[in-house]
């Protein structure tokens, strides 16, 4: 049994930008499910079925307006430049509970609805951000990369043991933070025994669209698809630097979106 853990060493990614160094608190990670009352008049207790899924990730950022060009030696992304634009397009948010291979990650396709500053009487200046689910609820996933992974050429990544095969498909999330090259394809492969006797094969519908820069993607397989016990991330293409993160939600029960 895994021991209890703190929240030390966590990361937060927003649409291909690592804002972890400028985020001081993640205040809410929610994935509620609406319940629909379907109690018949012949019943003596309530009957309920599941309704719409929802989700939210809310966090507090420090004020740091430095741009990437202000300090070429700084490798992390400055939260103000990333969050202050309040884009109308979807934002992918990935909260990594630690950055070890196989750790959990909360993933959300969302709309960023605010960027609200607050100046405390102690002199602090922080900004509240709320990302609200759009189209899909929040999903708790397994990290198939240890937080961010850097490949300098085509690579077969290490395997993650997901304990048992399942028959309800999967969803996977990708964020690309940096890229140098022509293009790269990032895909999932599976095996029942870590490639010992059962050779690694591509997961059907488990390939992300080719990337050539900072981006984010979400994919899903068929709802009745068998997914083997072991999964790994493989990269292909022509590149000298690819920095990215992948997390997967392997469904234990039937899921609809």
Protein backbone atom coordinates (compact mmCIF):
# COMPACT_ATOMS: atom_id res chain seq x y z
CA UNK A 1 0.00 0.00 0.00
CA UNK A 2 1.32 3.44 -0.94
CA UNK A 3 2.18 5.73 1.97
CA UNK A 4 0.42 9.03 2.58
CA UNK A 5 1.96 11.93 0.70
CA UNK A 6 2.30 15.69 0.90
CA UNK A 7 1.78 18.07 -2.00
CA UNK A 8 5.49 18.86 -2.34
CA UNK A 9 7.06 18.78 -5.78
CA UNK A 10 3.86 19.27 -7.76
CA UNK A 11 3.66 20.86 -11.22
CA UNK A 12 0.97 22.82 -13.07
CA UNK A 13 0.86 23.09 -16.86
CA UNK A 14 -1.41 25.32 -18.94
CA UNK A 15 -1.65 24.71 -22.69
CA UNK A 16 2.02 23.89 -23.19
CA UNK A 17 3.45 26.25 -20.55
CA UNK A 18 4.92 25.19 -17.20
CA UNK A 19 3.70 27.82 -14.74
CA UNK A 20 4.64 25.80 -11.64
CA UNK A 21 7.26 28.27 -10.41
CA UNK A 22 4.77 31.14 -10.32
CA UNK A 23 1.84 29.27 -8.74
CA UNK A 24 1.71 29.27 -4.94
CA UNK A 25 -1.54 27.43 -4.32
CA UNK A 26 -3.98 25.13 -6.07
CA UNK A 27 -7.18 25.87 -4.19
CA UNK A 28 -9.68 23.58 -5.89
CA UNK A 29 -9.61 20.51 -8.11
CA UNK A 30 -13.19 19.43 -8.68
CA UNK A 31 -14.89 16.83 -10.83
CA UNK A 32 -18.54 16.80 -9.77
CA UNK A 33 -21.22 14.66 -11.39
CA UNK A 34 -24.78 15.90 -11.54
CA UNK A 35 -27.38 13.49 -10.19
CA UNK A 36 -30.83 13.18 -11.72
CA UNK A 37 -33.76 12.23 -9.52
CA UNK A 38 -35.75 9.44 -11.19
CA UNK A 39 -37.73 8.29 -8.18
CA UNK A 40 -40.96 6.55 -9.11
CA UNK A 41 -44.09 7.09 -7.07
CA UNK A 42 -43.99 3.42 -6.10
CA UNK A 43 -40.62 3.81 -4.30
CA UNK A 44 -39.96 4.51 -0.64
CA UNK A 45 -36.50 6.00 -1.18
CA UNK A 46 -34.84 8.20 -3.79
CA UNK A 47 -33.53 6.76 -7.06
CA UNK A 48 -30.82 8.66 -8.89
CA UNK A 49 -28.83 8.30 -12.10
CA UNK A 50 -25.75 10.17 -13.26
CA UNK A 51 -26.12 13.36 -15.26
CA UNK A 52 -23.62 15.81 -16.73
CA UNK A 53 -19.96 15.65 -15.72
CA UNK A 54 -18.22 18.88 -14.77
CA UNK A 55 -14.81 20.00 -13.61
CA UNK A 56 -12.69 22.89 -12.41
CA UNK A 57 -9.11 23.67 -11.43
CA UNK A 58 -8.56 26.90 -9.51
CA UNK A 59 -5.19 28.28 -8.45
CA UNK A 60 -3.40 31.38 -7.24
CA UNK A 61 -0.43 32.83 -9.11
CA UNK A 62 2.26 35.25 -7.96
CA UNK A 63 2.75 38.52 -9.83
CA UNK A 64 5.71 38.00 -12.14
CA UNK A 65 5.55 40.07 -15.35
CA UNK A 66 9.00 39.05 -16.60
CA UNK A 67 8.90 37.99 -20.22
CA UNK A 68 10.94 35.13 -21.67
CA UNK A 69 13.10 37.67 -23.54
CA UNK A 70 13.91 39.56 -20.31
CA UNK A 71 16.05 36.75 -18.97
CA UNK A 72 17.21 34.19 -21.57
CA UNK A 73 18.62 31.97 -18.83
CA UNK A 74 15.20 31.37 -17.25
CA UNK A 75 13.66 28.14 -18.49
CA UNK A 76 10.30 28.15 -16.72
CA UNK A 77 7.33 30.05 -18.12
CA UNK A 78 6.11 33.24 -16.47
CA UNK A 79 2.50 32.95 -15.37
CA UNK A 80 1.50 36.55 -16.18
CA UNK A 81 2.41 36.28 -19.85
CA UNK A 82 0.54 32.98 -20.13
CA UNK A 83 -2.57 33.75 -18.08
CA UNK A 84 -3.24 37.45 -18.62
CA UNK A 85 -4.38 36.96 -22.23
CA UNK A 86 -7.65 35.27 -21.17
CA UNK A 87 -8.09 33.49 -24.52
CA UNK A 88 -11.56 32.50 -25.69
CA UNK A 89 -10.23 29.19 -27.02
CA UNK A 90 -10.01 26.09 -24.81
CA UNK A 91 -7.12 25.82 -22.36
CA UNK A 92 -5.74 22.48 -21.24
CA UNK A 93 -4.75 22.40 -17.57
CA UNK A 94 -2.72 19.53 -16.11
CA UNK A 95 -1.98 19.33 -12.38
CA UNK A 96 0.73 16.76 -11.65
CA UNK A 97 0.75 15.29 -8.12
CA UNK A 98 4.50 14.98 -8.08
CA UNK A 99 6.46 14.32 -11.24
CA UNK A 100 7.27 10.62 -11.05
CA UNK A 101 6.38 8.15 -13.78
CA UNK A 102 3.05 6.59 -12.84
CA UNK A 103 1.96 9.41 -10.52
CA UNK A 104 -1.50 10.89 -10.80
CA UNK A 105 -2.48 13.99 -12.77
CA UNK A 106 -5.74 15.93 -12.94
CA UNK A 107 -6.45 16.94 -16.54
CA UNK A 108 -9.04 19.38 -17.78
CA UNK A 109 -10.15 20.84 -21.11
CA UNK A 110 -11.44 24.20 -19.96
CA UNK A 111 -12.25 27.84 -20.40
CA UNK A 112 -10.12 30.21 -18.32
CA UNK A 113 -12.75 32.55 -16.93
CA UNK A 114 -10.72 35.03 -14.90
CA UNK A 115 -7.38 36.53 -13.93
CA UNK A 116 -8.19 38.51 -10.81
CA UNK A 117 -5.49 40.43 -8.88
CA UNK A 118 -5.58 40.88 -5.12
CA UNK A 119 -3.30 43.13 -3.07
CA UNK A 120 -3.10 42.04 0.58
CA UNK A 121 -2.57 44.36 3.54
CA UNK A 122 0.73 42.55 4.10
CA UNK A 123 1.97 43.82 0.72
CA UNK A 124 1.38 40.61 -1.21
CA UNK A 125 0.05 40.75 -4.77
CA UNK A 126 -1.49 37.55 -6.14
CA UNK A 127 -3.85 36.58 -8.95
CA UNK A 128 -6.75 34.14 -8.81
CA UNK A 129 -7.39 31.91 -11.81
CA UNK A 130 -10.31 29.58 -12.44
CA UNK A 131 -10.44 27.05 -15.28
CA UNK A 132 -13.94 25.63 -15.85
CA UNK A 133 -14.57 22.41 -17.79
CA UNK A 134 -15.70 22.67 -21.41
CA UNK A 135 -17.02 19.59 -23.20
CA UNK A 136 -15.48 17.05 -20.83
CA UNK A 137 -15.35 16.70 -17.06
CA UNK A 138 -12.17 16.68 -15.02
CA UNK A 139 -10.27 13.41 -15.38
CA UNK A 140 -7.81 11.89 -12.92
CA UNK A 141 -5.09 10.34 -15.05
CA UNK A 142 -1.82 8.42 -14.71
CA UNK A 143 1.37 10.16 -15.81
CA UNK A 144 3.03 8.28 -18.67
CA UNK A 145 5.91 10.77 -18.54
CA UNK A 146 7.60 11.90 -15.30
CA UNK A 147 6.05 15.35 -15.46
CA UNK A 148 7.88 16.76 -18.48
CA UNK A 149 10.00 14.44 -20.64
CA UNK A 150 12.70 15.57 -23.07
CA UNK A 151 13.48 13.49 -26.17
CA UNK A 152 16.29 14.45 -28.55
CA UNK A 153 15.46 11.72 -31.07
CA UNK A 154 12.84 9.03 -31.64
CA UNK A 155 12.40 7.22 -28.32
CA UNK A 156 10.60 4.24 -26.82
CA UNK A 157 9.68 5.49 -23.37
CA UNK A 158 9.58 3.42 -20.16
CA UNK A 159 6.51 1.33 -19.39
CA UNK A 160 3.90 2.09 -16.74
CA UNK A 161 2.13 -0.83 -15.07
CA UNK A 162 -1.60 -0.06 -14.86
CA UNK A 163 -2.27 -3.29 -12.94
CA UNK A 164 -4.79 -5.00 -15.23
CA UNK A 165 -6.34 -4.85 -18.69
CA UNK A 166 -9.64 -3.01 -19.09
CA UNK A 167 -12.38 -3.08 -21.72
CA UNK A 168 -13.72 0.49 -21.73
CA UNK A 169 -11.08 2.40 -23.72
CA UNK A 170 -9.01 5.38 -22.61
CA UNK A 171 -8.51 9.11 -22.89
CA UNK A 172 -5.07 10.72 -23.13
CA UNK A 173 -3.75 14.25 -22.75
CA UNK A 174 -0.66 15.83 -24.32
CA UNK A 175 1.10 19.12 -23.68
CA UNK A 176 4.17 20.14 -25.71
CA UNK A 177 6.38 22.80 -24.12
CA UNK A 178 9.29 23.12 -26.57
CA UNK A 179 10.15 21.77 -29.99
CA UNK A 180 13.10 22.00 -32.37
CA UNK A 181 12.86 20.13 -35.65
CA UNK A 182 10.45 19.41 -38.49
CA UNK A 183 7.68 17.39 -36.85
CA UNK A 184 7.11 14.71 -34.25
CA UNK A 185 4.44 12.10 -33.63
CA UNK A 186 3.69 11.05 -30.05
CA UNK A 187 1.74 7.83 -29.55
CA UNK A 188 0.78 5.21 -27.00
CA UNK A 189 1.81 1.56 -27.16
CA UNK A 190 0.53 -1.36 -25.10
CA UNK A 191 1.57 -4.84 -23.98
CA UNK A 192 0.13 -7.41 -21.61
CA UNK A 193 3.54 -8.31 -20.12
CA UNK A 194 5.86 -5.32 -20.66
CA UNK A 195 7.04 -6.70 -23.99
CA UNK A 196 8.37 -9.98 -22.59
CA UNK A 197 6.31 -12.34 -24.78
CA UNK A 198 3.63 -9.93 -25.96
CA UNK A 199 5.36 -7.46 -28.27
CA UNK A 200 4.57 -3.77 -27.94
CA UNK A 201 1.88 -2.59 -30.38
CA UNK A 202 0.30 0.77 -31.10
CA UNK A 203 -2.90 1.50 -29.20
CA UNK A 204 -5.73 1.83 -31.73
CA UNK A 205 -6.61 5.55 -31.95
CA UNK A 206 -3.82 6.17 -29.43
CA UNK A 207 -1.72 8.52 -31.58
CA UNK A 208 -1.75 12.30 -31.19
CA UNK A 209 -1.69 14.48 -34.30
CA UNK A 210 1.84 15.40 -35.44
CA UNK A 211 3.28 18.38 -33.57
CA UNK A 212 5.73 21.10 -34.60
CA UNK A 213 5.60 23.50 -31.66
CA UNK A 214 3.94 24.36 -28.36
CA UNK A 215 0.50 22.77 -28.29
CA UNK A 216 -2.01 20.64 -26.39
CA UNK A 217 -4.25 17.74 -27.42
CA UNK A 218 -6.80 15.31 -26.03
CA UNK A 219 -7.63 11.98 -27.70
CA UNK A 220 -9.93 9.09 -26.85
CA UNK A 221 -10.36 5.55 -28.12
CA UNK A 222 -13.51 3.54 -28.73
CA UNK A 223 -15.63 3.10 -25.61
CA UNK A 224 -15.51 -0.70 -25.80
CA UNK A 225 -11.82 -1.02 -26.61
CA UNK A 226 -9.58 -3.38 -24.65
CA UNK A 227 -6.50 -1.67 -23.18
CA UNK A 228 -3.63 -3.86 -22.01
CA UNK A 229 -1.96 -3.75 -18.60
CA UNK A 230 1.22 -1.90 -19.64
CA UNK A 231 1.38 1.39 -21.54
CA UNK A 232 4.30 3.47 -22.79
CA UNK A 233 4.83 6.65 -24.84
CA UNK A 234 6.77 6.45 -28.10
CA UNK A 235 8.03 9.39 -30.15
CA UNK A 236 8.86 9.41 -33.85
CA UNK A 237 9.85 12.07 -36.37
CA UNK A 238 12.61 14.50 -37.22
CA UNK A 239 13.63 16.63 -34.26
CA UNK A 240 16.49 17.43 -31.89
CA UNK A 241 14.39 18.62 -28.94
CA UNK A 242 10.89 17.64 -27.84
CA UNK A 243 9.74 18.57 -24.34
CA UNK A 244 6.30 17.21 -23.51
CA UNK A 245 4.01 15.58 -20.95
CA UNK A 246 1.44 12.80 -21.40
CA UNK A 247 -1.19 11.51 -19.00
CA UNK A 248 -3.81 8.81 -19.58
CA UNK A 249 -7.18 7.95 -18.06
CA UNK A 250 -7.77 4.22 -18.47
CA UNK A 251 -11.48 3.62 -17.88
CA UNK A 252 -12.47 1.05 -15.26
CA UNK A 253 -16.17 1.47 -16.13
CA UNK A 254 -18.11 2.56 -19.20
CA UNK A 255 -17.71 6.28 -19.81
CA UNK A 256 -19.55 8.55 -22.24
CA UNK A 257 -18.60 12.04 -23.46
